[in-house]
Amino acid sequence: MKKIKGSQYHLRRSKSPKFWPILRKEAVWAVKPRPGPHPLRRSIPLGVLLRDVLGYAKNMREARKILS
């Protein structure tokens, strides 16, 4: 079994899929999607959608409160 180095929950914005409508140089980290049975590169996290696309939240903490 292969051991994964680093965190499984973070993703650098520069390495995020190109179809995500986010600014790559605005911050360092983005939320890593947990897509279930769908491909990782064809999914977008709800936190990114609420914060960066729709503008309902200023930060990830607010996005989490909206989702809960």
Foldseek 3Di string as FASTA:
>chain_A
DDDDPDDPFKDFLVPAAPPQPADNPPDGIDTQDDDPPDDSNPDDDQLSCCVPPVNVDVDSVVSVVVVD
